[in-house]
Amino acid sequence: MNSSTKRITQGAMIIAIFGALLLLDRQTGGLFQDVFLFIYPIPMVAYAALYGGRSSLPVFVCMCMIAFLCTTFTNIFYAVSQALIGMIFGTRLNHHKNMTSTLLLVMALSAAATVLSTVVLASLSGYNLTADIVQMKSVFEQMMQKSGAQVPENAFSVSFFTRMFVISMAVSGILQGFVVYELSLLILRRLRFPVQRPTPIFYFMPPVWTGWAAMACLVLYYSSFAAPMNNVILENISQCAGILGVFYLMCFGFLALTLSFKLMLPRSRFLPAILAILLFFLMSLPVAVAGFLYISTGFHRALLARWQEISSGNRS
C-alpha cells in the first residue's frame, strides 16, 4: 500500500471511529457525554501526529459533517471543538514543538471551548442562564444568613456571580484540557505512535512580565472591593482580570510549593504534591505570592538548579 492510499485509509478509519463515538453517545441519551468529551480529540490527535495539519484538515471537515449528521444540536459544538483541539494538538506533535507550551495551548483552547459552549449554546437553545445565576445568588444569601455571617449589602451582585460562573467554567476547561493532554499521550504511547517525551513542567519558564501583570491585576481586584468604582463596566473588567490574575499566580505558586517540598522531602513521591494541594485550597493569597516570586524573580531558577542537583546525585 503506497503512502497516499495508506493516509486516506487511515483518515477514513479515524472518521469512522469518531462517528461511532457520536452514535454511541446519542444512543445512550448522553449518559456518558462527560466521558466522551475526553475521548473525542484522541482520534484526531493520532492522525495529525502522523501526517500533520495539512493532511488532517480534510479529515477534520469530514468529522464536522459527521457531527452534523449523527448527533444532536447541543452536542455538535462539543464534538467539533474537541476535534479541532485534537488536530492542533496532533499537529504540534508532528512538528515536534515544545511539549510544555503544547500543554498550555491545549488547556487554553479547552477553556475557551468550555466557556463558549456554555454561553453560546445557552442562548441558542433557549436556556435561561441568568435565571440560574439569580437562583444561585439567592441560595448563597440564604446560606450566609443561616450561618450568621455578616455580609456587606450589595457585596455579591448578579454580575459578580456571573463572573464567577464564567471563570469556574474556564477553570473546568483548563482541567479538562490537562486530562485530554495526558490521556492522549498515554494512549498514543501504548499504540507505539512516534510521540516525544514531555519535559517536566518545572522547566517551563513563563515570561517575567506576566508575573508583574498578574500581580497588578491582583492588587486591582482587592482595591475594587475596598473602594468600589463608580463605573460598573470598569469594575466588572477589573474584577474579572483580578480573578484570572490570582488564578494564574496560584497555578505557578502550586508549582513553586511542589518543587520546594520535593527538595525538603526528596524520598517522598506523593507527599510534596499533597501538601501543595492542601496549601493551594487553604491559603490562596500566600500561594499567589509564591507564584509571583516563582515567575518574576530568581526563585524559580534557584529551586530548579537545586532540584537538578539532587536528581543528578540520585541517578549517580
C-alpha atoms as a PDB file:
ATOM      1  CA  MET A   1       0.000   0.000   0.000  1.00  0.00           C
ATOM      2  CA  ASN A   2       1.525   3.329  -1.051  1.00  0.00           C
ATOM      3  CA  SER A   3       1.711   6.279   1.341  1.00  0.00           C
ATOM      4  CA  SER A   4      -1.198   8.207  -0.230  1.00  0.00           C
ATOM      5  CA  THR A   5      -3.572   5.254  -0.070  1.00  0.00           C
ATOM      6  CA  LYS A   6      -2.481   4.481   3.476  1.00  0.00           C
ATOM      7  CA  ARG A   7      -3.113   8.068   4.537  1.00  0.00           C
ATOM      8  CA  ILE A   8      -6.609   8.075   3.001  1.00  0.00           C
ATOM      9  CA  THR A   9      -7.464   4.698   4.531  1.00  0.00           C
ATOM     10  CA  GLN A  10      -6.340   5.726   7.987  1.00  0.00           C
ATOM     11  CA  GLY A  11      -8.221   9.008   7.666  1.00  0.00           C
ATOM     12  CA  ALA A  12     -11.417   7.106   6.833  1.00  0.00           C
ATOM     13  CA  MET A  13     -10.822   4.857   9.835  1.00  0.00           C
ATOM     14  CA  ILE A  14     -10.379   7.871  12.128  1.00  0.00           C
ATOM     15  CA  ILE A  15     -13.616   9.405  10.818  1.00  0.00           C
ATOM     16  CA  ALA A  16     -15.421   6.099  11.383  1.00  0.00           C
ATOM     17  CA  ILE A  17     -14.183   5.894  14.982  1.00  0.00           C
ATOM     18  CA  PHE A  18     -15.288   9.481  15.612  1.00  0.00           C
ATOM     19  CA  GLY A  19     -18.712   8.781  14.094  1.00  0.00           C
ATOM     20  CA  ALA A  20     -19.093   5.615  16.187  1.00  0.00           C
ATOM     21  CA  LEU A  21     -18.421   7.635  19.348  1.00  0.00           C
ATOM     22  CA  LEU A  22     -21.054  10.192  18.343  1.00  0.00           C
ATOM     23  CA  LEU A  23     -23.642   7.491  17.619  1.00  0.00           C
ATOM     24  CA  LEU A  24     -22.878   5.701  20.876  1.00  0.00           C
ATOM     25  CA  ASP A  25     -23.308   8.949  22.786  1.00  0.00           C
ATOM     26  CA  ARG A  26     -26.640   9.606  21.088  1.00  0.00           C
ATOM     27  CA  GLN A  27     -27.954   6.079  21.593  1.00  0.00           C
ATOM     28  CA  THR A  28     -27.158   6.224  25.304  1.00  0.00           C
ATOM     29  CA  GLY A  29     -29.036   9.511  25.636  1.00  0.00           C
ATOM     30  CA  GLY A  30     -25.915  11.484  26.538  1.00  0.00           C
ATOM     31  CA  LEU A  31     -25.388   9.344  29.637  1.00  0.00           C
ATOM     32  CA  PHE A  32     -21.638   9.197  29.039  1.00  0.00           C
ATOM     33  CA  GLN A  33     -21.264  12.605  27.405  1.00  0.00           C
ATOM     34  CA  ASP A  34     -18.872  13.913  30.050  1.00  0.00           C
ATOM     35  CA  VAL A  35     -16.628  10.889  29.456  1.00  0.00           C
ATOM     36  CA  PHE A  36     -16.755  11.189  25.662  1.00  0.00           C
ATOM     37  CA  LEU A  37     -15.568  14.804  25.864  1.00  0.00           C
ATOM     38  CA  PHE A  38     -12.164  13.456  26.893  1.00  0.00           C
ATOM     39  CA  ILE A  39     -12.165  10.860  24.083  1.00  0.00           C
ATOM     40  CA  TYR A  40     -13.370  12.935  21.095  1.00  0.00           C
ATOM     41  CA  PRO A  41      -9.982  14.612  20.443  1.00  0.00           C
ATOM     42  CA  ILE A  42      -7.890  11.417  20.579  1.00  0.00           C
ATOM     43  CA  PRO A  43      -8.593  10.063  17.032  1.00  0.00           C
ATOM     44  CA  MET A  44      -7.714  13.444  15.550  1.00  0.00           C
ATOM     45  CA  VAL A  45      -4.593  13.718  17.707  1.00  0.00           C
ATOM     46  CA  ALA A  46      -3.386  10.355  16.428  1.00  0.00           C
ATOM     47  CA  TYR A  47      -3.947  11.220  12.752  1.00  0.00           C
ATOM     48  CA  ALA A  48      -2.466  14.729  12.946  1.00  0.00           C
ATOM     49  CA  ALA A  49       0.554  13.406  14.870  1.00  0.00           C
ATOM     50  CA  LEU A  50       1.280  11.077  11.943  1.00  0.00           C
ATOM     51  CA  TYR A  51       0.524  13.302   8.951  1.00  0.00           C
ATOM     52  CA  GLY A  52       0.469  16.923  10.142  1.00  0.00           C
ATOM     53  CA  GLY A  53      -2.108  19.678   9.930  1.00  0.00           C
ATOM     54  CA  ARG A  54      -2.400  19.995   6.149  1.00  0.00           C
ATOM     55  CA  SER A  55      -3.363  16.355   5.659  1.00  0.00           C
ATOM     56  CA  SER A  56      -5.603  16.454   8.745  1.00  0.00           C
ATOM     57  CA  LEU A  57      -7.758  19.343   7.509  1.00  0.00           C
ATOM     58  CA  PRO A  58      -9.925  17.241   5.113  1.00  0.00           C
ATOM     59  CA  VAL A  59     -10.381  14.656   7.874  1.00  0.00           C
ATOM     60  CA  PHE A  60     -11.491  17.423  10.254  1.00  0.00           C
ATOM     61  CA  VAL A  61     -14.004  18.730   7.690  1.00  0.00           C
ATOM     62  CA  CYS A  62     -15.452  15.212   7.337  1.00  0.00           C
ATOM     63  CA  MET A  63     -15.673  14.951  11.112  1.00  0.00           C
ATOM     64  CA  CYS A  64     -17.687  18.181  11.184  1.00  0.00           C
ATOM     65  CA  MET A  65     -20.080  16.770   8.567  1.00  0.00           C
ATOM     66  CA  ILE A  66     -20.430  13.526  10.536  1.00  0.00           C
ATOM     67  CA  ALA A  67     -21.171  15.543  13.684  1.00  0.00           C
ATOM     68  CA  PHE A  68     -23.958  17.451  11.925  1.00  0.00           C
ATOM     69  CA  LEU A  69     -25.478  14.189  10.673  1.00  0.00           C
ATOM     70  CA  CYS A  70     -25.057  11.874  13.656  1.00  0.00           C
ATOM     71  CA  THR A  71     -25.527  13.876  16.821  1.00  0.00           C
ATOM     72  CA  THR A  72     -27.820  16.372  18.484  1.00  0.00           C
ATOM     73  CA  PHE A  73     -27.663  20.132  18.080  1.00  0.00           C
ATOM     74  CA  THR A  74     -26.158  20.783  21.509  1.00  0.00           C
ATOM     75  CA  ASN A  75     -23.501  18.100  21.069  1.00  0.00           C
ATOM     76  CA  ILE A  76     -22.291  19.355  17.669  1.00  0.00           C
ATOM     77  CA  PHE A  77     -20.287  22.193  19.180  1.00  0.00           C
ATOM     78  CA  TYR A  78     -18.697  19.918  21.784  1.00  0.00           C
ATOM     79  CA  ALA A  79     -17.656  17.341  19.189  1.00  0.00           C
ATOM     80  CA  VAL A  80     -16.349  19.834  16.617  1.00  0.00           C
ATOM     81  CA  SER A  81     -14.429  21.909  19.168  1.00  0.00           C
ATOM     82  CA  GLN A  82     -12.784  18.816  20.653  1.00  0.00           C
ATOM     83  CA  ALA A  83     -11.847  17.546  17.175  1.00  0.00           C
ATOM     84  CA  LEU A  84     -10.292  20.949  16.415  1.00  0.00           C
ATOM     85  CA  ILE A  85      -8.295  20.835  19.647  1.00  0.00           C
ATOM     86  CA  GLY A  86      -7.160  17.325  18.705  1.00  0.00           C
ATOM     87  CA  MET A  87      -5.999  18.491  15.272  1.00  0.00           C
ATOM     88  CA  ILE A  88      -3.997  21.393  16.733  1.00  0.00           C
ATOM     89  CA  PHE A  89      -2.504  19.145  19.413  1.00  0.00           C
ATOM     90  CA  GLY A  90      -1.555  16.440  16.922  1.00  0.00           C
ATOM     91  CA  THR A  91      -0.065  18.970  14.501  1.00  0.00           C
ATOM     92  CA  ARG A  92       2.226  20.281  17.222  1.00  0.00           C
ATOM     93  CA  LEU A  93       3.271  16.711  18.000  1.00  0.00           C
ATOM     94  CA  ASN A  94       4.024  16.171  14.317  1.00  0.00           C
ATOM     95  CA  HIS A  95       6.188  19.315  14.237  1.00  0.00           C
ATOM     96  CA  HIS A  96       7.965  18.341  17.485  1.00  0.00           C
ATOM     97  CA  LYS A  97       7.002  21.544  19.274  1.00  0.00           C
ATOM     98  CA  ASN A  98       7.826  22.147  22.928  1.00  0.00           C
ATOM     99  CA  MET A  99       5.587  19.862  24.984  1.00  0.00           C
ATOM    100  CA  THR A 100       5.058  22.281  27.855  1.00  0.00           C
ATOM    101  CA  SER A 101       3.850  25.076  25.572  1.00  0.00           C
ATOM    102  CA  THR A 102       1.670  22.490  23.799  1.00  0.00           C
ATOM    103  CA  LEU A 103       0.094  21.558  27.132  1.00  0.00           C
ATOM    104  CA  LEU A 104      -0.641  25.205  27.939  1.00  0.00           C
ATOM    105  CA  LEU A 105      -2.116  25.741  24.458  1.00  0.00           C
ATOM    106  CA  VAL A 106      -4.406  22.696  24.788  1.00  0.00           C
ATOM    107  CA  MET A 107      -5.570  23.883  28.209  1.00  0.00           C
ATOM    108  CA  ALA A 108      -6.247  27.406  26.909  1.00  0.00           C
ATOM    109  CA  LEU A 109      -8.208  26.119  23.883  1.00  0.00           C
ATOM    110  CA  SER A 110     -10.198  23.761  26.091  1.00  0.00           C
ATOM    111  CA  ALA A 111     -11.054  26.615  28.478  1.00  0.00           C
ATOM    112  CA  ALA A 112     -12.194  28.818  25.575  1.00  0.00           C
ATOM    113  CA  ALA A 113     -14.301  25.991  24.126  1.00  0.00           C
ATOM    114  CA  THR A 114     -15.941  25.297  27.500  1.00  0.00           C
ATOM    115  CA  VAL A 115     -16.867  28.945  28.070  1.00  0.00           C
ATOM    116  CA  LEU A 116     -18.160  29.392  24.509  1.00  0.00           C
ATOM    117  CA  SER A 117     -20.181  26.184  24.670  1.00  0.00           C
ATOM    118  CA  THR A 118     -21.799  27.283  27.940  1.00  0.00           C
ATOM    119  CA  VAL A 119     -22.625  30.836  26.891  1.00  0.00           C
ATOM    120  CA  VAL A 120     -23.364  30.386  23.170  1.00  0.00           C
ATOM    121  CA  LEU A 121     -25.321  27.136  23.414  1.00  0.00           C
ATOM    122  CA  ALA A 122     -27.350  28.515  26.312  1.00  0.00           C
ATOM    123  CA  SER A 123     -28.501  31.433  24.182  1.00  0.00           C
ATOM    124  CA  LEU A 124     -29.175  29.311  21.084  1.00  0.00           C
ATOM    125  CA  SER A 125     -31.080  26.570  22.890  1.00  0.00           C
ATOM    126  CA  GLY A 126     -33.236  28.935  24.916  1.00  0.00           C
ATOM    127  CA  TYR A 127     -31.627  28.066  28.247  1.00  0.00           C
ATOM    128  CA  ASN A 128     -32.041  30.921  30.728  1.00  0.00           C
ATOM    129  CA  LEU A 129     -28.586  31.230  32.227  1.00  0.00           C
ATOM    130  CA  THR A 130     -29.397  34.456  34.062  1.00  0.00           C
ATOM    131  CA  ALA A 131     -32.270  32.838  35.943  1.00  0.00           C
ATOM    132  CA  ASP A 132     -29.966  30.089  37.192  1.00  0.00           C
ATOM    133  CA  ILE A 133     -27.400  32.644  38.342  1.00  0.00           C
ATOM    134  CA  VAL A 134     -30.100  34.606  40.201  1.00  0.00           C
ATOM    135  CA  GLN A 135     -31.194  31.377  41.879  1.00  0.00           C
ATOM    136  CA  MET A 136     -27.571  30.639  42.773  1.00  0.00           C
ATOM    137  CA  LYS A 137     -27.262  34.089  44.342  1.00  0.00           C
ATOM    138  CA  SER A 138     -30.453  33.571  46.345  1.00  0.00           C
ATOM    139  CA  VAL A 139     -29.266  30.202  47.710  1.00  0.00           C
ATOM    140  CA  PHE A 140     -25.894  31.694  48.652  1.00  0.00           C
ATOM    141  CA  GLU A 141     -27.527  34.579  50.534  1.00  0.00           C
ATOM    142  CA  GLN A 142     -29.800  32.175  52.412  1.00  0.00           C
ATOM    143  CA  MET A 143     -26.805  30.068  53.422  1.00  0.00           C
ATOM    144  CA  MET A 144     -24.934  33.133  54.658  1.00  0.00           C
ATOM    145  CA  GLN A 145     -27.958  34.270  56.689  1.00  0.00           C
ATOM    146  CA  LYS A 146     -28.349  30.850  58.322  1.00  0.00           C
ATOM    147  CA  SER A 147     -24.655  30.756  59.209  1.00  0.00           C
ATOM    148  CA  GLY A 148     -24.917  34.151  60.896  1.00  0.00           C
ATOM    149  CA  ALA A 149     -22.135  35.679  58.792  1.00  0.00           C
ATOM    150  CA  GLN A 150     -22.212  39.411  58.285  1.00  0.00           C
ATOM    151  CA  VAL A 151     -22.162  40.182  54.578  1.00  0.00           C
ATOM    152  CA  PRO A 152     -21.986  43.805  53.366  1.00  0.00           C
ATOM    153  CA  GLU A 153     -25.041  44.914  51.448  1.00  0.00           C
ATOM    154  CA  ASN A 154     -24.724  44.503  47.664  1.00  0.00           C
ATOM    155  CA  ALA A 155     -21.330  42.824  48.123  1.00  0.00           C
ATOM    156  CA  PHE A 156     -22.391  39.915  45.910  1.00  0.00           C
ATOM    157  CA  SER A 157     -24.363  41.113  42.919  1.00  0.00           C
ATOM    158  CA  VAL A 158     -25.737  39.139  39.988  1.00  0.00           C
ATOM    159  CA  SER A 159     -22.841  40.375  37.847  1.00  0.00           C
ATOM    160  CA  PHE A 160     -20.386  39.051  40.452  1.00  0.00           C
ATOM    161  CA  PHE A 161     -21.951  35.586  40.347  1.00  0.00           C
ATOM    162  CA  THR A 162     -21.984  35.745  36.537  1.00  0.00           C
ATOM    163  CA  ARG A 163     -18.247  36.426  36.514  1.00  0.00           C
ATOM    164  CA  MET A 164     -17.604  33.636  38.989  1.00  0.00           C
ATOM    165  CA  PHE A 165     -19.701  31.247  36.903  1.00  0.00           C
ATOM    166  CA  VAL A 166     -17.799  32.050  33.702  1.00  0.00           C
ATOM    167  CA  ILE A 167     -14.449  31.770  35.464  1.00  0.00           C
ATOM    168  CA  SER A 168     -15.438  28.443  37.014  1.00  0.00           C
ATOM    169  CA  MET A 169     -16.275  27.196  33.523  1.00  0.00           C
ATOM    170  CA  ALA A 170     -12.850  28.352  32.332  1.00  0.00           C
ATOM    171  CA  VAL A 171     -11.129  26.530  35.201  1.00  0.00           C
ATOM    172  CA  SER A 172     -13.152  23.413  34.380  1.00  0.00           C
ATOM    173  CA  GLY A 173     -11.987  23.669  30.760  1.00  0.00           C
ATOM    174  CA  ILE A 174      -8.367  24.045  31.861  1.00  0.00           C
ATOM    175  CA  LEU A 175      -8.596  20.851  33.904  1.00  0.00           C
ATOM    176  CA  GLN A 176     -10.312  19.094  31.004  1.00  0.00           C
ATOM    177  CA  GLY A 177      -7.514  20.155  28.657  1.00  0.00           C
ATOM    178  CA  PHE A 178      -4.927  18.760  31.058  1.00  0.00           C
ATOM    179  CA  VAL A 179      -6.719  15.392  31.196  1.00  0.00           C
ATOM    180  CA  VAL A 180      -7.059  15.302  27.385  1.00  0.00           C
ATOM    181  CA  TYR A 181      -3.341  16.024  27.009  1.00  0.00           C
ATOM    182  CA  GLU A 182      -2.229  13.315  29.429  1.00  0.00           C
ATOM    183  CA  LEU A 183      -4.761  10.732  28.211  1.00  0.00           C
ATOM    184  CA  SER A 184      -3.862  11.306  24.555  1.00  0.00           C
ATOM    185  CA  LEU A 185      -0.142  10.883  25.194  1.00  0.00           C
ATOM    186  CA  LEU A 186      -0.758   7.767  27.269  1.00  0.00           C
ATOM    187  CA  ILE A 187      -2.859   6.101  24.557  1.00  0.00           C
ATOM    188  CA  LEU A 188      -0.517   7.129  21.733  1.00  0.00           C
ATOM    189  CA  ARG A 189       2.476   5.673  23.551  1.00  0.00           C
ATOM    190  CA  ARG A 190       0.585   2.443  24.181  1.00  0.00           C
ATOM    191  CA  LEU A 191      -0.143   2.251  20.463  1.00  0.00           C
ATOM    192  CA  ARG A 192       3.564   2.935  19.749  1.00  0.00           C
ATOM    193  CA  PHE A 193       2.984   6.247  17.979  1.00  0.00           C
ATOM    194  CA  PRO A 194       6.098   8.417  17.486  1.00  0.00           C
ATOM    195  CA  VAL A 195       5.407  10.811  20.363  1.00  0.00           C
ATOM    196  CA  GLN A 196       8.225  12.685  22.074  1.00  0.00           C
ATOM    197  CA  ARG A 197       8.587  12.597  25.819  1.00  0.00           C
ATOM    198  CA  PRO A 198       7.193  15.666  27.599  1.00  0.00           C
ATOM    199  CA  THR A 199       9.634  17.799  29.536  1.00  0.00           C
ATOM    200  CA  PRO A 200       8.796  18.316  33.222  1.00  0.00           C
ATOM    201  CA  ILE A 201       6.577  21.347  33.719  1.00  0.00           C
ATOM    202  CA  PHE A 202       9.105  22.693  36.236  1.00  0.00           C
ATOM    203  CA  TYR A 203      11.389  23.506  33.274  1.00  0.00           C
ATOM    204  CA  PHE A 204       8.822  25.878  31.776  1.00  0.00           C
ATOM    205  CA  MET A 205       9.913  29.498  32.160  1.00  0.00           C
ATOM    206  CA  PRO A 206       6.929  31.857  31.909  1.00  0.00           C
ATOM    207  CA  PRO A 207       7.653  35.421  30.774  1.00  0.00           C
ATOM    208  CA  VAL A 208       8.652  37.634  33.708  1.00  0.00           C
ATOM    209  CA  TRP A 209       6.233  40.387  32.709  1.00  0.00           C
ATOM    210  CA  THR A 210       3.249  38.042  33.140  1.00  0.00           C
ATOM    211  CA  GLY A 211       4.007  37.789  36.863  1.00  0.00           C
ATOM    212  CA  TRP A 212       4.025  41.560  37.276  1.00  0.00           C
ATOM    213  CA  ALA A 213       0.846  41.887  35.177  1.00  0.00           C
ATOM    214  CA  ALA A 214      -0.930  39.227  37.239  1.00  0.00           C
ATOM    215  CA  MET A 215       0.172  40.897  40.486  1.00  0.00           C
ATOM    216  CA  ALA A 216      -1.178  44.226  39.205  1.00  0.00           C
ATOM    217  CA  CYS A 217      -4.487  42.511  38.457  1.00  0.00           C
ATOM    218  CA  LEU A 218      -4.486  41.024  41.968  1.00  0.00           C
ATOM    219  CA  VAL A 219      -3.955  44.461  43.557  1.00  0.00           C
ATOM    220  CA  LEU A 220      -6.659  45.949  41.330  1.00  0.00           C
ATOM    221  CA  TYR A 221      -9.038  43.150  42.344  1.00  0.00           C
ATOM    222  CA  TYR A 222      -8.688  43.736  46.081  1.00  0.00           C
ATOM    223  CA  SER A 223      -8.750  47.523  45.701  1.00  0.00           C
ATOM    224  CA  SER A 224     -12.036  47.304  43.771  1.00  0.00           C
ATOM    225  CA  PHE A 225     -13.631  45.690  46.828  1.00  0.00           C
ATOM    226  CA  ALA A 226     -12.030  48.103  49.282  1.00  0.00           C
ATOM    227  CA  ALA A 227     -13.048  51.148  47.232  1.00  0.00           C
ATOM    228  CA  PRO A 228     -15.870  50.323  44.759  1.00  0.00           C
ATOM    229  CA  MET A 229     -15.666  52.139  41.439  1.00  0.00           C
ATOM    230  CA  ASN A 230     -18.372  54.411  40.086  1.00  0.00           C
ATOM    231  CA  ASN A 231     -18.114  52.849  36.628  1.00  0.00           C
ATOM    232  CA  VAL A 232     -19.806  49.431  36.743  1.00  0.00           C
ATOM    233  CA  ILE A 233     -18.251  48.222  33.476  1.00  0.00           C
ATOM    234  CA  LEU A 234     -14.747  49.157  34.631  1.00  0.00           C
ATOM    235  CA  GLU A 235     -15.365  47.448  37.969  1.00  0.00           C
ATOM    236  CA  ASN A 236     -16.532  44.249  36.250  1.00  0.00           C
ATOM    237  CA  ILE A 237     -13.481  44.224  33.982  1.00  0.00           C
ATOM    238  CA  SER A 238     -11.091  44.827  36.875  1.00  0.00           C
ATOM    239  CA  GLN A 239     -12.626  42.066  38.984  1.00  0.00           C
ATOM    240  CA  CYS A 240     -12.566  39.565  36.105  1.00  0.00           C
ATOM    241  CA  ALA A 241      -8.939  40.407  35.368  1.00  0.00           C
ATOM    242  CA  GLY A 242      -8.164  40.172  39.084  1.00  0.00           C
ATOM    243  CA  ILE A 243      -9.666  36.709  39.457  1.00  0.00           C
ATOM    244  CA  LEU A 244      -7.783  35.459  36.401  1.00  0.00           C
ATOM    245  CA  GLY A 245      -4.567  37.035  37.694  1.00  0.00           C
ATOM    246  CA  VAL A 246      -4.975  35.380  41.092  1.00  0.00           C
ATOM    247  CA  PHE A 247      -5.619  32.012  39.478  1.00  0.00           C
ATOM    248  CA  TYR A 248      -2.589  32.421  37.202  1.00  0.00           C
ATOM    249  CA  LEU A 249      -0.324  33.197  40.151  1.00  0.00           C
ATOM    250  CA  MET A 250      -1.792  30.364  42.201  1.00  0.00           C
ATOM    251  CA  CYS A 251      -1.054  27.835  39.455  1.00  0.00           C
ATOM    252  CA  PHE A 252       2.628  28.757  39.445  1.00  0.00           C
ATOM    253  CA  GLY A 253       2.553  29.059  43.215  1.00  0.00           C
ATOM    254  CA  PHE A 254       1.437  25.445  43.297  1.00  0.00           C
ATOM    255  CA  LEU A 255       4.466  24.510  41.178  1.00  0.00           C
ATOM    256  CA  ALA A 256       6.737  26.528  43.483  1.00  0.00           C
ATOM    257  CA  LEU A 257       5.376  24.777  46.574  1.00  0.00           C
ATOM    258  CA  THR A 258       5.564  21.342  44.957  1.00  0.00           C
ATOM    259  CA  LEU A 259       9.178  21.873  43.930  1.00  0.00           C
ATOM    260  CA  SER A 260      10.051  23.268  47.362  1.00  0.00           C
ATOM    261  CA  PHE A 261       8.502  20.265  49.120  1.00  0.00           C
ATOM    262  CA  LYS A 262      10.326  17.944  46.730  1.00  0.00           C
ATOM    263  CA  LEU A 263      13.599  19.482  47.894  1.00  0.00           C
ATOM    264  CA  MET A 264      12.566  19.104  51.536  1.00  0.00           C
ATOM    265  CA  LEU A 265      11.269  15.553  51.102  1.00  0.00           C
ATOM    266  CA  PRO A 266      13.383  14.040  48.302  1.00  0.00           C
ATOM    267  CA  ARG A 267      12.466  10.458  49.152  1.00  0.00           C
ATOM    268  CA  SER A 268       8.711  11.010  49.141  1.00  0.00           C
ATOM    269  CA  ARG A 269       6.890  10.648  45.837  1.00  0.00           C
ATOM    270  CA  PHE A 270       3.355  11.861  46.592  1.00  0.00           C
ATOM    271  CA  LEU A 271       3.604  13.862  49.826  1.00  0.00           C
ATOM    272  CA  PRO A 272       5.013  17.065  48.210  1.00  0.00           C
ATOM    273  CA  ALA A 273       2.081  17.272  45.797  1.00  0.00           C
ATOM    274  CA  ILE A 274      -0.435  16.523  48.579  1.00  0.00           C
ATOM    275  CA  LEU A 275       0.977  19.275  50.791  1.00  0.00           C
ATOM    276  CA  ALA A 276       0.970  21.730  47.868  1.00  0.00           C
ATOM    277  CA  ILE A 277      -2.682  20.892  47.087  1.00  0.00           C
ATOM    278  CA  LEU A 278      -3.679  21.498  50.714  1.00  0.00           C
ATOM    279  CA  LEU A 279      -1.993  24.896  50.761  1.00  0.00           C
ATOM    280  CA  PHE A 280      -3.489  25.717  47.345  1.00  0.00           C
ATOM    281  CA  PHE A 281      -7.011  25.446  48.769  1.00  0.00           C
ATOM    282  CA  LEU A 282      -6.363  26.721  52.305  1.00  0.00           C
ATOM    283  CA  MET A 283      -4.003  29.675  51.743  1.00  0.00           C
ATOM    284  CA  SER A 284      -4.786  31.204  48.363  1.00  0.00           C
ATOM    285  CA  LEU A 285      -3.095  34.586  48.857  1.00  0.00           C
ATOM    286  CA  PRO A 286       0.279  33.228  50.119  1.00  0.00           C
ATOM    287  CA  VAL A 287       0.232  30.711  47.263  1.00  0.00           C
ATOM    288  CA  ALA A 288      -0.367  33.567  44.797  1.00  0.00           C
ATOM    289  CA  VAL A 289       2.571  35.496  46.283  1.00  0.00           C
ATOM    290  CA  ALA A 290       4.746  32.374  45.927  1.00  0.00           C
ATOM    291  CA  GLY A 291       3.653  32.199  42.287  1.00  0.00           C
ATOM    292  CA  PHE A 292       4.697  35.813  41.738  1.00  0.00           C
ATOM    293  CA  LEU A 293       8.142  35.112  43.223  1.00  0.00           C
ATOM    294  CA  TYR A 294       8.383  31.952  41.099  1.00  0.00           C
ATOM    295  CA  ILE A 295       7.667  33.857  37.861  1.00  0.00           C
ATOM    296  CA  SER A 296       9.255  37.274  38.335  1.00  0.00           C
ATOM    297  CA  THR A 297      12.344  36.651  40.480  1.00  0.00           C
ATOM    298  CA  GLY A 298      15.246  34.202  40.581  1.00  0.00           C
ATOM    299  CA  PHE A 299      13.309  31.919  42.937  1.00  0.00           C
ATOM    300  CA  HIS A 300      12.366  29.555  40.101  1.00  0.00           C
ATOM    301  CA  ARG A 301      15.909  29.182  38.808  1.00  0.00           C
ATOM    302  CA  ALA A 302      17.268  28.605  42.314  1.00  0.00           C
ATOM    303  CA  LEU A 303      14.716  25.859  43.013  1.00  0.00           C
ATOM    304  CA  LEU A 304      15.294  24.274  39.617  1.00  0.00           C
ATOM    305  CA  ALA A 305      19.078  24.263  39.992  1.00  0.00           C
ATOM    306  CA  ARG A 306      18.812  22.639  43.414  1.00  0.00           C
ATOM    307  CA  TRP A 307      16.315  20.057  42.100  1.00  0.00           C
ATOM    308  CA  GLN A 308      18.577  19.181  39.155  1.00  0.00           C
ATOM    309  CA  GLU A 309      21.489  18.799  41.542  1.00  0.00           C
ATOM    310  CA  ILE A 310      19.556  16.387  43.749  1.00  0.00           C
ATOM    311  CA  SER A 311      18.188  14.469  40.744  1.00  0.00           C
ATOM    312  CA  SER A 312      21.650  14.021  39.208  1.00  0.00           C
ATOM    313  CA  GLY A 313      23.009  12.890  42.601  1.00  0.00           C
ATOM    314  CA  ASN A 314      20.268  10.264  42.891  1.00  0.00           C
ATOM    315  CA  ARG A 315      20.992   8.933  39.387  1.00  0.00           C
ATOM    316  CA  SER A 316      24.709   8.654  40.050  1.00  0.00           C
END
